[in-house]
Amino acid sequence: MIWDDHQSRNIGELSFRSEVKAVKLRRDRVVVVLQNKIYVYNFSDLKLVDHIETIANPKGLCALCPNPSNTVLACPGVTRGTVRIELYDLRKTTLITAHEAELSQICLNLDGTRLATASDKGTLIRIFDTQSGQITQELRRGADRAEIYSICFSPTAPLLACSSDKGTVHVFSLTAEGSGQSFSSDPTTMGNVPSQSIPTHYSAGTAPRSGEEDGTENSKSSLSFMRGLLPKYFSSEWSFAQFRVPETRTICAFGTEKNTIVVVGADGSFYKAVFDANGECQNTSYSKFIQSDEDE
């Protein structure tokens, strides 16, 4: 059912013979994700535009570019670890072998030019160009397995964040498109942040950074001289800033204010943190919207 909140009425319905895993909306499209198939409809008249066969997709993985001037959809392919990208405006399909393991998350940036993927191993996030299918960057969350709960691009800066079951939100710097430059920030952005009674401070790891002093660079392994022995491990980049939250299922997103990130937990918790170019990250806000029996 599609509900118009402004008119307070139902404006359309779609029915399926199997369980709906996810729904994606934008002004001109409705995308419905089933276990092995994805349906794309016009929003105005609910006319079927496309249907796509996928591998078993119990998580309902699907990403739809929110920019109405670029109709891009990303979803699992028909084989493990493969992503299918539909560039509808160009009438082009791109297939990417993103991971050897099963996909756990996929995400498109604001204009649909970049795709971020993670597998159920949870150690790497890979960034791809959606038109060419070429990998542009490889980011390392950590060395041990983890379940990545969410991935998000910043809509205003070349940044990416992810949250996982390890209780850490990572912030990565992305290579700016076509310039080779990375995110830069005023180191004084954080200002005077009052201390909180919850985890408030967490900086990037001990791995050294490279790059200009006035811009951020993702951390590099201190053992990068061994890259010839383990090229896949040491060619990836680590996050430049990290933020600790309780180990509950979370979703992260960049805030409307500069250099801020917000995290919402399944336990009803809400965190807001601010970070700077040096990797310093502090919590500035905490709320609890749902009270559990244990809290009472």
C-alpha atoms as a PDB file:
ATOM      1  CA  MET A   1       0.000   0.000   0.000  1.00  0.00           C
ATOM      2  CA  ILE A   2       1.247   3.489  -0.888  1.00  0.00           C
ATOM      3  CA  TRP A   3       0.007   6.107   1.549  1.00  0.00           C
ATOM      4  CA  ASP A   4      -0.138   9.840   0.824  1.00  0.00           C
ATOM      5  CA  ASP A   5       0.482  11.453   4.193  1.00  0.00           C
ATOM      6  CA  HIS A   6      -0.482  14.909   2.938  1.00  0.00           C
ATOM      7  CA  GLN A   7      -3.885  13.703   1.721  1.00  0.00           C
ATOM      8  CA  SER A   8      -4.194  11.067   4.475  1.00  0.00           C
ATOM      9  CA  ARG A   9      -5.324   8.412   2.050  1.00  0.00           C
ATOM     10  CA  ASN A  10      -4.220   5.302   0.204  1.00  0.00           C
ATOM     11  CA  ILE A  11      -3.201   6.165  -3.374  1.00  0.00           C
ATOM     12  CA  GLY A  12      -2.185   2.741  -4.665  1.00  0.00           C
ATOM     13  CA  GLU A  13      -1.578  -0.917  -3.882  1.00  0.00           C
ATOM     14  CA  LEU A  14       0.697  -3.650  -5.211  1.00  0.00           C
ATOM     15  CA  SER A  15       0.257  -7.309  -4.323  1.00  0.00           C
ATOM     16  CA  PHE A  16       2.737 -10.188  -4.563  1.00  0.00           C
ATOM     17  CA  ARG A  17       2.664 -13.925  -4.011  1.00  0.00           C
ATOM     18  CA  SER A  18       5.776 -13.956  -1.835  1.00  0.00           C
ATOM     19  CA  GLU A  19       7.104 -11.922   1.073  1.00  0.00           C
ATOM     20  CA  VAL A  20       8.250  -8.378   0.343  1.00  0.00           C
ATOM     21  CA  LYS A  21      11.819  -7.980   1.627  1.00  0.00           C
ATOM     22  CA  ALA A  22      12.241  -4.240   1.009  1.00  0.00           C
ATOM     23  CA  VAL A  23      10.717  -1.225  -0.743  1.00  0.00           C
ATOM     24  CA  LYS A  24      12.604   1.750  -2.197  1.00  0.00           C
ATOM     25  CA  LEU A  25      10.872   4.996  -3.130  1.00  0.00           C
ATOM     26  CA  ARG A  26      11.634   8.219  -4.901  1.00  0.00           C
ATOM     27  CA  ARG A  27       9.473  10.762  -6.738  1.00  0.00           C
ATOM     28  CA  ASP A  28       9.232   8.790  -9.971  1.00  0.00           C
ATOM     29  CA  ARG A  29       9.924   5.171  -8.985  1.00  0.00           C
ATOM     30  CA  VAL A  30       8.712   2.422  -6.674  1.00  0.00           C
ATOM     31  CA  VAL A  31      11.056  -0.552  -6.281  1.00  0.00           C
ATOM     32  CA  VAL A  32       9.853  -3.742  -4.589  1.00  0.00           C
ATOM     33  CA  VAL A  33      12.368  -6.390  -3.532  1.00  0.00           C
ATOM     34  CA  LEU A  34      11.366 -10.053  -3.193  1.00  0.00           C
ATOM     35  CA  GLN A  35      13.470 -13.094  -2.354  1.00  0.00           C
ATOM     36  CA  ASN A  36      14.637 -13.706  -5.938  1.00  0.00           C
ATOM     37  CA  LYS A  37      13.196 -10.842  -7.956  1.00  0.00           C
ATOM     38  CA  ILE A  38      12.995  -7.057  -8.039  1.00  0.00           C
ATOM     39  CA  TYR A  39      10.132  -5.094  -9.619  1.00  0.00           C
ATOM     40  CA  VAL A  40      10.465  -1.461 -10.734  1.00  0.00           C
ATOM     41  CA  TYR A  41       7.318   0.666 -11.212  1.00  0.00           C
ATOM     42  CA  ASN A  42       6.468   4.203 -12.267  1.00  0.00           C
ATOM     43  CA  PHE A  43       5.300   6.081  -9.204  1.00  0.00           C
ATOM     44  CA  SER A  44       2.599   8.046 -11.037  1.00  0.00           C
ATOM     45  CA  ASP A  45       0.604   5.143 -12.472  1.00  0.00           C
ATOM     46  CA  LEU A  46       2.311   2.069 -10.911  1.00  0.00           C
ATOM     47  CA  LYS A  47       3.059   0.747 -14.383  1.00  0.00           C
ATOM     48  CA  LEU A  48       5.713  -1.985 -14.387  1.00  0.00           C
ATOM     49  CA  VAL A  49       8.959  -0.638 -15.864  1.00  0.00           C
ATOM     50  CA  ASP A  50      11.369  -3.511 -15.247  1.00  0.00           C
ATOM     51  CA  HIS A  51      11.814  -6.776 -13.389  1.00  0.00           C
ATOM     52  CA  ILE A  52      15.173  -8.262 -12.425  1.00  0.00           C
ATOM     53  CA  GLU A  53      16.119 -11.780 -11.401  1.00  0.00           C
ATOM     54  CA  THR A  54      18.540 -12.002  -8.457  1.00  0.00           C
ATOM     55  CA  ILE A  55      20.259 -14.564  -6.311  1.00  0.00           C
ATOM     56  CA  ALA A  56      18.421 -15.363  -3.059  1.00  0.00           C
ATOM     57  CA  ASN A  57      18.166 -11.994  -1.328  1.00  0.00           C
ATOM     58  CA  PRO A  58      16.809 -12.497   2.207  1.00  0.00           C
ATOM     59  CA  LYS A  59      18.103  -9.089   3.375  1.00  0.00           C
ATOM     60  CA  GLY A  60      16.301  -7.275   0.577  1.00  0.00           C
ATOM     61  CA  LEU A  61      19.499  -5.637  -0.648  1.00  0.00           C
ATOM     62  CA  CYS A  62      18.815  -2.895  -3.173  1.00  0.00           C
ATOM     63  CA  ALA A  63      19.984   0.692  -3.691  1.00  0.00           C
ATOM     64  CA  LEU A  64      18.166   3.364  -5.680  1.00  0.00           C
ATOM     65  CA  CYS A  65      19.858   6.639  -6.570  1.00  0.00           C
ATOM     66  CA  PRO A  66      17.859   9.438  -4.890  1.00  0.00           C
ATOM     67  CA  ASN A  67      18.783  12.020  -7.536  1.00  0.00           C
ATOM     68  CA  PRO A  68      15.838  12.293  -9.976  1.00  0.00           C
ATOM     69  CA  SER A  69      18.177  13.338 -12.799  1.00  0.00           C
ATOM     70  CA  ASN A  70      20.009  10.004 -12.706  1.00  0.00           C
ATOM     71  CA  THR A  71      18.048   6.749 -12.569  1.00  0.00           C
ATOM     72  CA  VAL A  72      20.475   4.169 -11.206  1.00  0.00           C
ATOM     73  CA  LEU A  73      19.566   0.961  -9.384  1.00  0.00           C
ATOM     74  CA  ALA A  74      21.977  -1.522  -7.784  1.00  0.00           C
ATOM     75  CA  CYS A  75      21.045  -5.006  -6.597  1.00  0.00           C
ATOM     76  CA  PRO A  76      22.550  -8.482  -6.207  1.00  0.00           C
ATOM     77  CA  GLY A  77      23.237 -10.353  -9.429  1.00  0.00           C
ATOM     78  CA  VAL A  78      22.435 -14.004 -10.045  1.00  0.00           C
ATOM     79  CA  THR A  79      25.724 -15.288  -8.600  1.00  0.00           C
ATOM     80  CA  ARG A  80      27.282 -14.913  -5.159  1.00  0.00           C
ATOM     81  CA  GLY A  81      29.096 -11.639  -4.519  1.00  0.00           C
ATOM     82  CA  THR A  82      27.987 -10.072  -7.811  1.00  0.00           C
ATOM     83  CA  VAL A  83      26.255  -6.690  -8.095  1.00  0.00           C
ATOM     84  CA  ARG A  84      24.057  -5.672 -11.013  1.00  0.00           C
ATOM     85  CA  ILE A  85      23.793  -1.969 -11.792  1.00  0.00           C
ATOM     86  CA  GLU A  86      21.010  -0.688 -14.027  1.00  0.00           C
ATOM     87  CA  LEU A  87      21.784   2.678 -15.626  1.00  0.00           C
ATOM     88  CA  TYR A  88      18.298   3.322 -16.983  1.00  0.00           C
ATOM     89  CA  ASP A  89      19.002   6.740 -18.504  1.00  0.00           C
ATOM     90  CA  LEU A  90      21.912   5.265 -20.479  1.00  0.00           C
ATOM     91  CA  ARG A  91      20.099   1.986 -21.151  1.00  0.00           C
ATOM     92  CA  LYS A  92      23.140   0.175 -19.842  1.00  0.00           C
ATOM     93  CA  THR A  93      23.706  -2.690 -17.398  1.00  0.00           C
ATOM     94  CA  THR A  94      26.956  -3.082 -15.452  1.00  0.00           C
ATOM     95  CA  LEU A  95      27.875  -6.340 -13.716  1.00  0.00           C
ATOM     96  CA  ILE A  96      30.488  -6.231 -10.951  1.00  0.00           C
ATOM     97  CA  THR A  97      32.104  -9.169  -9.179  1.00  0.00           C
ATOM     98  CA  ALA A  98      32.448  -7.288  -5.903  1.00  0.00           C
ATOM     99  CA  HIS A  99      33.254 -10.066  -3.400  1.00  0.00           C
ATOM    100  CA  GLU A 100      33.879 -13.780  -3.201  1.00  0.00           C
ATOM    101  CA  ALA A 101      31.490 -14.112  -0.249  1.00  0.00           C
ATOM    102  CA  GLU A 102      27.794 -13.228  -0.002  1.00  0.00           C
ATOM    103  CA  LEU A 103      26.870  -9.556  -0.136  1.00  0.00           C
ATOM    104  CA  SER A 104      25.819  -7.960   3.135  1.00  0.00           C
ATOM    105  CA  GLN A 105      25.370  -4.287   2.169  1.00  0.00           C
ATOM    106  CA  ILE A 106      25.231  -2.151  -0.974  1.00  0.00           C
ATOM    107  CA  CYS A 107      24.884   1.630  -1.186  1.00  0.00           C
ATOM    108  CA  LEU A 108      24.872   4.304  -3.905  1.00  0.00           C
ATOM    109  CA  ASN A 109      26.098   7.852  -3.452  1.00  0.00           C
ATOM    110  CA  LEU A 110      23.826  10.842  -4.003  1.00  0.00           C
ATOM    111  CA  ASP A 111      24.317  11.144  -7.763  1.00  0.00           C
ATOM    112  CA  GLY A 112      24.612   7.423  -8.477  1.00  0.00           C
ATOM    113  CA  THR A 113      28.199   7.541  -9.747  1.00  0.00           C
ATOM    114  CA  ARG A 114      29.708   5.440  -6.956  1.00  0.00           C
ATOM    115  CA  LEU A 115      28.709   2.118  -5.406  1.00  0.00           C
ATOM    116  CA  ALA A 116      29.874   0.822  -2.020  1.00  0.00           C
ATOM    117  CA  THR A 117      29.679  -2.891  -1.210  1.00  0.00           C
ATOM    118  CA  ALA A 118      30.461  -5.174   1.723  1.00  0.00           C
ATOM    119  CA  SER A 119      30.340  -8.949   2.119  1.00  0.00           C
ATOM    120  CA  ASP A 120      29.300 -11.096   5.062  1.00  0.00           C
ATOM    121  CA  LYS A 121      32.965 -11.280   6.105  1.00  0.00           C
ATOM    122  CA  GLY A 122      32.669  -7.624   7.070  1.00  0.00           C
ATOM    123  CA  THR A 123      36.351  -6.768   6.732  1.00  0.00           C
ATOM    124  CA  LEU A 124      36.371  -4.764   3.497  1.00  0.00           C
ATOM    125  CA  ILE A 125      34.238  -2.116   1.816  1.00  0.00           C
ATOM    126  CA  ARG A 126      34.854  -1.651  -1.885  1.00  0.00           C
ATOM    127  CA  ILE A 127      33.999   1.435  -3.926  1.00  0.00           C
ATOM    128  CA  PHE A 128      33.175   1.091  -7.628  1.00  0.00           C
ATOM    129  CA  ASP A 129      32.452   3.428 -10.516  1.00  0.00           C
ATOM    130  CA  THR A 130      28.899   2.586 -11.569  1.00  0.00           C
ATOM    131  CA  GLN A 131      29.407   3.203 -15.294  1.00  0.00           C
ATOM    132  CA  SER A 132      32.709   1.409 -15.832  1.00  0.00           C
ATOM    133  CA  GLY A 133      32.404  -1.125 -13.017  1.00  0.00           C
ATOM    134  CA  GLN A 134      36.022  -0.441 -12.061  1.00  0.00           C
ATOM    135  CA  ILE A 135      37.056  -0.454  -8.401  1.00  0.00           C
ATOM    136  CA  THR A 136      38.216   2.987  -7.251  1.00  0.00           C
ATOM    137  CA  GLN A 137      39.041   2.339  -3.599  1.00  0.00           C
ATOM    138  CA  GLU A 138      39.217  -0.450  -1.032  1.00  0.00           C
ATOM    139  CA  LEU A 139      38.508   0.376   2.614  1.00  0.00           C
ATOM    140  CA  ARG A 140      39.278  -1.891   5.552  1.00  0.00           C
ATOM    141  CA  ARG A 141      36.919  -1.907   8.527  1.00  0.00           C
ATOM    142  CA  GLY A 142      39.111  -4.352  10.446  1.00  0.00           C
ATOM    143  CA  ALA A 143      40.970  -7.634  10.323  1.00  0.00           C
ATOM    144  CA  ASP A 144      38.388  -9.808  12.083  1.00  0.00           C
ATOM    145  CA  ARG A 145      34.962 -10.834  10.801  1.00  0.00           C
ATOM    146  CA  ALA A 146      32.000  -8.605  11.527  1.00  0.00           C
ATOM    147  CA  GLU A 147      28.442  -8.022  10.411  1.00  0.00           C
ATOM    148  CA  ILE A 148      28.214  -4.639   8.753  1.00  0.00           C
ATOM    149  CA  TYR A 149      24.832  -3.151   9.602  1.00  0.00           C
ATOM    150  CA  SER A 150      24.903  -0.064   7.388  1.00  0.00           C
ATOM    151  CA  ILE A 151      26.974   1.918   4.886  1.00  0.00           C
ATOM    152  CA  CYS A 152      26.366   5.542   3.929  1.00  0.00           C
ATOM    153  CA  PHE A 153      27.941   8.173   1.701  1.00  0.00           C
ATOM    154  CA  SER A 154      28.062  11.795   2.768  1.00  0.00           C
ATOM    155  CA  PRO A 155      25.853  13.884   0.449  1.00  0.00           C
ATOM    156  CA  THR A 156      28.142  16.925   0.734  1.00  0.00           C
ATOM    157  CA  ALA A 157      31.724  15.637   1.120  1.00  0.00           C
ATOM    158  CA  PRO A 158      33.846  12.703  -0.126  1.00  0.00           C
ATOM    159  CA  LEU A 159      33.263  10.632   2.997  1.00  0.00           C
ATOM    160  CA  LEU A 160      31.804   7.223   3.800  1.00  0.00           C
ATOM    161  CA  ALA A 161      30.753   5.712   7.118  1.00  0.00           C
ATOM    162  CA  CYS A 162      29.765   2.240   8.272  1.00  0.00           C
ATOM    163  CA  SER A 163      28.450   0.617  11.434  1.00  0.00           C
ATOM    164  CA  SER A 164      28.825  -2.998  12.518  1.00  0.00           C
ATOM    165  CA  ASP A 165      28.246  -5.464  15.343  1.00  0.00           C
ATOM    166  CA  LYS A 166      31.636  -4.499  16.792  1.00  0.00           C
ATOM    167  CA  GLY A 167      30.118  -1.333  18.239  1.00  0.00           C
ATOM    168  CA  THR A 168      32.334   0.998  16.200  1.00  0.00           C
ATOM    169  CA  VAL A 169      31.274   3.491  13.558  1.00  0.00           C
ATOM    170  CA  HIS A 170      34.092   4.085  11.058  1.00  0.00           C
ATOM    171  CA  VAL A 171      34.513   7.215   8.934  1.00  0.00           C
ATOM    172  CA  PHE A 172      36.599   6.945   5.755  1.00  0.00           C
ATOM    173  CA  SER A 173      37.943   9.577   3.389  1.00  0.00           C
ATOM    174  CA  LEU A 174      37.140   8.958  -0.267  1.00  0.00           C
ATOM    175  CA  THR A 175      39.181  10.064  -3.240  1.00  0.00           C
ATOM    176  CA  ALA A 176      37.435  13.042  -4.817  1.00  0.00           C
ATOM    177  CA  GLU A 177      36.126  12.278  -8.297  1.00  0.00           C
ATOM    178  CA  GLY A 178      38.586  13.224 -10.994  1.00  0.00           C
ATOM    179  CA  SER A 179      40.882  15.248  -8.707  1.00  0.00           C
ATOM    180  CA  GLY A 180      42.800  12.730  -6.642  1.00  0.00           C
ATOM    181  CA  GLN A 181      42.199  14.921  -3.609  1.00  0.00           C
ATOM    182  CA  SER A 182      40.754  13.812  -0.313  1.00  0.00           C
ATOM    183  CA  PHE A 183      38.339  15.363   2.159  1.00  0.00           C
ATOM    184  CA  SER A 184      39.716  18.423   3.960  1.00  0.00           C
ATOM    185  CA  SER A 185      38.353  19.985   7.088  1.00  0.00           C
ATOM    186  CA  ASP A 186      39.035  22.767   9.541  1.00  0.00           C
ATOM    187  CA  PRO A 187      40.695  21.046  12.540  1.00  0.00           C
ATOM    188  CA  THR A 188      38.902  23.480  14.857  1.00  0.00           C
ATOM    189  CA  THR A 189      35.425  22.418  13.749  1.00  0.00           C
ATOM    190  CA  MET A 190      34.756  20.462  16.929  1.00  0.00           C
ATOM    191  CA  GLY A 191      34.929  23.530  19.164  1.00  0.00           C
ATOM    192  CA  ASN A 192      34.184  23.183  22.859  1.00  0.00           C
ATOM    193  CA  VAL A 193      32.213  19.984  23.282  1.00  0.00           C
ATOM    194  CA  PRO A 194      30.944  19.196  26.795  1.00  0.00           C
ATOM    195  CA  SER A 195      31.704  15.804  28.254  1.00  0.00           C
ATOM    196  CA  GLN A 196      28.916  13.238  28.424  1.00  0.00           C
ATOM    197  CA  SER A 197      28.121  10.325  30.707  1.00  0.00           C
ATOM    198  CA  ILE A 198      28.250   7.996  27.708  1.00  0.00           C
ATOM    199  CA  PRO A 199      31.197   7.090  25.452  1.00  0.00           C
ATOM    200  CA  THR A 200      32.325  10.496  24.149  1.00  0.00           C
ATOM    201  CA  HIS A 201      35.754  10.212  22.609  1.00  0.00           C
ATOM    202  CA  TYR A 202      37.362   7.828  20.222  1.00  0.00           C
ATOM    203  CA  SER A 203      40.135   8.566  17.774  1.00  0.00           C
ATOM    204  CA  ALA A 204      41.499   6.681  14.833  1.00  0.00           C
ATOM    205  CA  GLY A 205      43.818   3.737  15.340  1.00  0.00           C
ATOM    206  CA  THR A 206      47.563   3.766  15.856  1.00  0.00           C
ATOM    207  CA  ALA A 207      48.432   3.270  12.212  1.00  0.00           C
ATOM    208  CA  PRO A 208      50.272   6.317  10.802  1.00  0.00           C
ATOM    209  CA  ARG A 209      48.628   8.661   8.314  1.00  0.00           C
ATOM    210  CA  SER A 210      49.998  10.076   5.112  1.00  0.00           C
ATOM    211  CA  GLY A 211      49.055  13.117   3.065  1.00  0.00           C
ATOM    212  CA  GLU A 212      48.850  16.842   3.486  1.00  0.00           C
ATOM    213  CA  GLU A 213      48.524  18.380   6.919  1.00  0.00           C
ATOM    214  CA  ASP A 214      45.361  20.297   6.069  1.00  0.00           C
ATOM    215  CA  GLY A 215      43.393  17.294   4.808  1.00  0.00           C
ATOM    216  CA  THR A 216      42.455  13.870   6.048  1.00  0.00           C
ATOM    217  CA  GLU A 217      43.885  10.646   4.747  1.00  0.00           C
ATOM    218  CA  ASN A 218      42.755   7.194   5.743  1.00  0.00           C
ATOM    219  CA  SER A 219      45.182   5.380   8.025  1.00  0.00           C
ATOM    220  CA  LYS A 220      47.773   3.120   6.441  1.00  0.00           C
ATOM    221  CA  SER A 221      49.114  -0.010   8.093  1.00  0.00           C
ATOM    222  CA  SER A 222      52.438   0.456   9.894  1.00  0.00           C
ATOM    223  CA  LEU A 223      53.462  -2.814   8.209  1.00  0.00           C
ATOM    224  CA  SER A 224      52.804  -1.524   4.714  1.00  0.00           C
ATOM    225  CA  PHE A 225      56.368  -2.400   3.754  1.00  0.00           C
ATOM    226  CA  MET A 226      55.107  -6.011   3.645  1.00  0.00           C
ATOM    227  CA  ARG A 227      52.655  -5.158   0.856  1.00  0.00           C
ATOM    228  CA  GLY A 228      54.570  -7.374  -1.556  1.00  0.00           C
ATOM    229  CA  LEU A 229      53.878 -10.398   0.659  1.00  0.00           C
ATOM    230  CA  LEU A 230      50.212  -9.667   1.446  1.00  0.00           C
ATOM    231  CA  PRO A 231      49.139  -7.181  -1.237  1.00  0.00           C
ATOM    232  CA  LYS A 232      45.381  -7.406  -0.643  1.00  0.00           C
ATOM    233  CA  TYR A 233      45.705  -6.665   3.084  1.00  0.00           C
ATOM    234  CA  PHE A 234      48.154  -3.789   2.922  1.00  0.00           C
ATOM    235  CA  SER A 235      46.735  -2.039  -0.152  1.00  0.00           C
ATOM    236  CA  SER A 236      43.443  -1.290   1.632  1.00  0.00           C
ATOM    237  CA  GLU A 237      42.889   1.899   3.628  1.00  0.00           C
ATOM    238  CA  TRP A 238      41.732   2.153   7.238  1.00  0.00           C
ATOM    239  CA  SER A 239      39.280   4.679   8.654  1.00  0.00           C
ATOM    240  CA  PHE A 240      40.619   8.063   9.759  1.00  0.00           C
ATOM    241  CA  ALA A 241      38.011   8.482  12.526  1.00  0.00           C
ATOM    242  CA  GLN A 242      36.028   6.098  14.717  1.00  0.00           C
ATOM    243  CA  PHE A 243      33.129   6.448  17.137  1.00  0.00           C
ATOM    244  CA  ARG A 244      32.129   3.905  19.764  1.00  0.00           C
ATOM    245  CA  VAL A 245      28.512   2.956  20.461  1.00  0.00           C
ATOM    246  CA  PRO A 246      26.960   0.025  22.382  1.00  0.00           C
ATOM    247  CA  GLU A 247      26.960  -3.269  20.491  1.00  0.00           C
ATOM    248  CA  THR A 248      23.373  -3.157  19.243  1.00  0.00           C
ATOM    249  CA  ARG A 249      22.100  -3.159  15.662  1.00  0.00           C
ATOM    250  CA  THR A 250      22.611   0.352  14.309  1.00  0.00           C
ATOM    251  CA  ILE A 251      22.144   2.551  11.259  1.00  0.00           C
ATOM    252  CA  CYS A 252      24.482   5.474  10.634  1.00  0.00           C
ATOM    253  CA  ALA A 253      24.155   8.584   8.470  1.00  0.00           C
ATOM    254  CA  PHE A 254      25.903  11.905   8.033  1.00  0.00           C
ATOM    255  CA  GLY A 255      24.212  14.829   9.746  1.00  0.00           C
ATOM    256  CA  THR A 256      23.072  18.092   8.207  1.00  0.00           C
ATOM    257  CA  GLU A 257      25.793  20.001  10.074  1.00  0.00           C
ATOM    258  CA  LYS A 258      29.369  19.884   8.810  1.00  0.00           C
ATOM    259  CA  ASN A 259      31.486  16.921  10.000  1.00  0.00           C
ATOM    260  CA  THR A 260      28.704  15.287  11.999  1.00  0.00           C
ATOM    261  CA  ILE A 261      27.431  11.737  12.009  1.00  0.00           C
ATOM    262  CA  VAL A 262      24.276  10.333  13.593  1.00  0.00           C
ATOM    263  CA  VAL A 263      23.664   6.766  14.736  1.00  0.00           C
ATOM    264  CA  VAL A 264      20.295   5.177  15.550  1.00  0.00           C
ATOM    265  CA  GLY A 265      20.205   1.901  17.477  1.00  0.00           C
ATOM    266  CA  ALA A 266      17.605  -0.866  17.539  1.00  0.00           C
ATOM    267  CA  ASP A 267      17.399  -0.306  21.302  1.00  0.00           C
ATOM    268  CA  GLY A 268      15.958   3.175  20.717  1.00  0.00           C
ATOM    269  CA  SER A 269      19.226   5.031  21.227  1.00  0.00           C
ATOM    270  CA  PHE A 270      20.287   8.068  19.200  1.00  0.00           C
ATOM    271  CA  TYR A 271      23.845   9.384  19.032  1.00  0.00           C
ATOM    272  CA  LYS A 272      25.290  12.423  17.329  1.00  0.00           C
ATOM    273  CA  ALA A 273      29.052  12.826  16.986  1.00  0.00           C
ATOM    274  CA  VAL A 274      31.372  15.428  15.496  1.00  0.00           C
ATOM    275  CA  PHE A 275      34.759  14.651  13.973  1.00  0.00           C
ATOM    276  CA  ASP A 276      37.673  16.642  12.594  1.00  0.00           C
ATOM    277  CA  ALA A 277      40.375  16.150   9.984  1.00  0.00           C
ATOM    278  CA  ASN A 278      42.796  14.806  12.596  1.00  0.00           C
ATOM    279  CA  GLY A 279      40.553  11.839  13.359  1.00  0.00           C
ATOM    280  CA  GLU A 280      39.281  13.123  16.702  1.00  0.00           C
ATOM    281  CA  CYS A 281      35.642  12.177  17.265  1.00  0.00           C
ATOM    282  CA  GLN A 282      33.400  13.205  20.169  1.00  0.00           C
ATOM    283  CA  ASN A 283      29.805  12.505  21.073  1.00  0.00           C
ATOM    284  CA  THR A 284      27.723  15.672  21.297  1.00  0.00           C
ATOM    285  CA  SER A 285      24.207  14.316  21.786  1.00  0.00           C
ATOM    286  CA  TYR A 286      22.484  11.228  23.166  1.00  0.00           C
ATOM    287  CA  SER A 287      18.800  10.362  23.464  1.00  0.00           C
ATOM    288  CA  LYS A 288      16.774   7.254  24.208  1.00  0.00           C
ATOM    289  CA  PHE A 289      13.451   7.056  22.395  1.00  0.00           C
ATOM    290  CA  ILE A 290      12.428   3.587  23.556  1.00  0.00           C
ATOM    291  CA  GLN A 291      12.644   2.398  27.144  1.00  0.00           C
ATOM    292  CA  SER A 292      13.151  -1.341  27.604  1.00  0.00           C
ATOM    293  CA  ASP A 293      12.022  -3.299  30.643  1.00  0.00           C
ATOM    294  CA  GLU A 294      15.646  -3.384  31.834  1.00  0.00           C
ATOM    295  CA  ASP A 295      15.830   0.422  31.798  1.00  0.00           C
ATOM    296  CA  GLU A 296      12.731   0.823  33.968  1.00  0.00           C
END
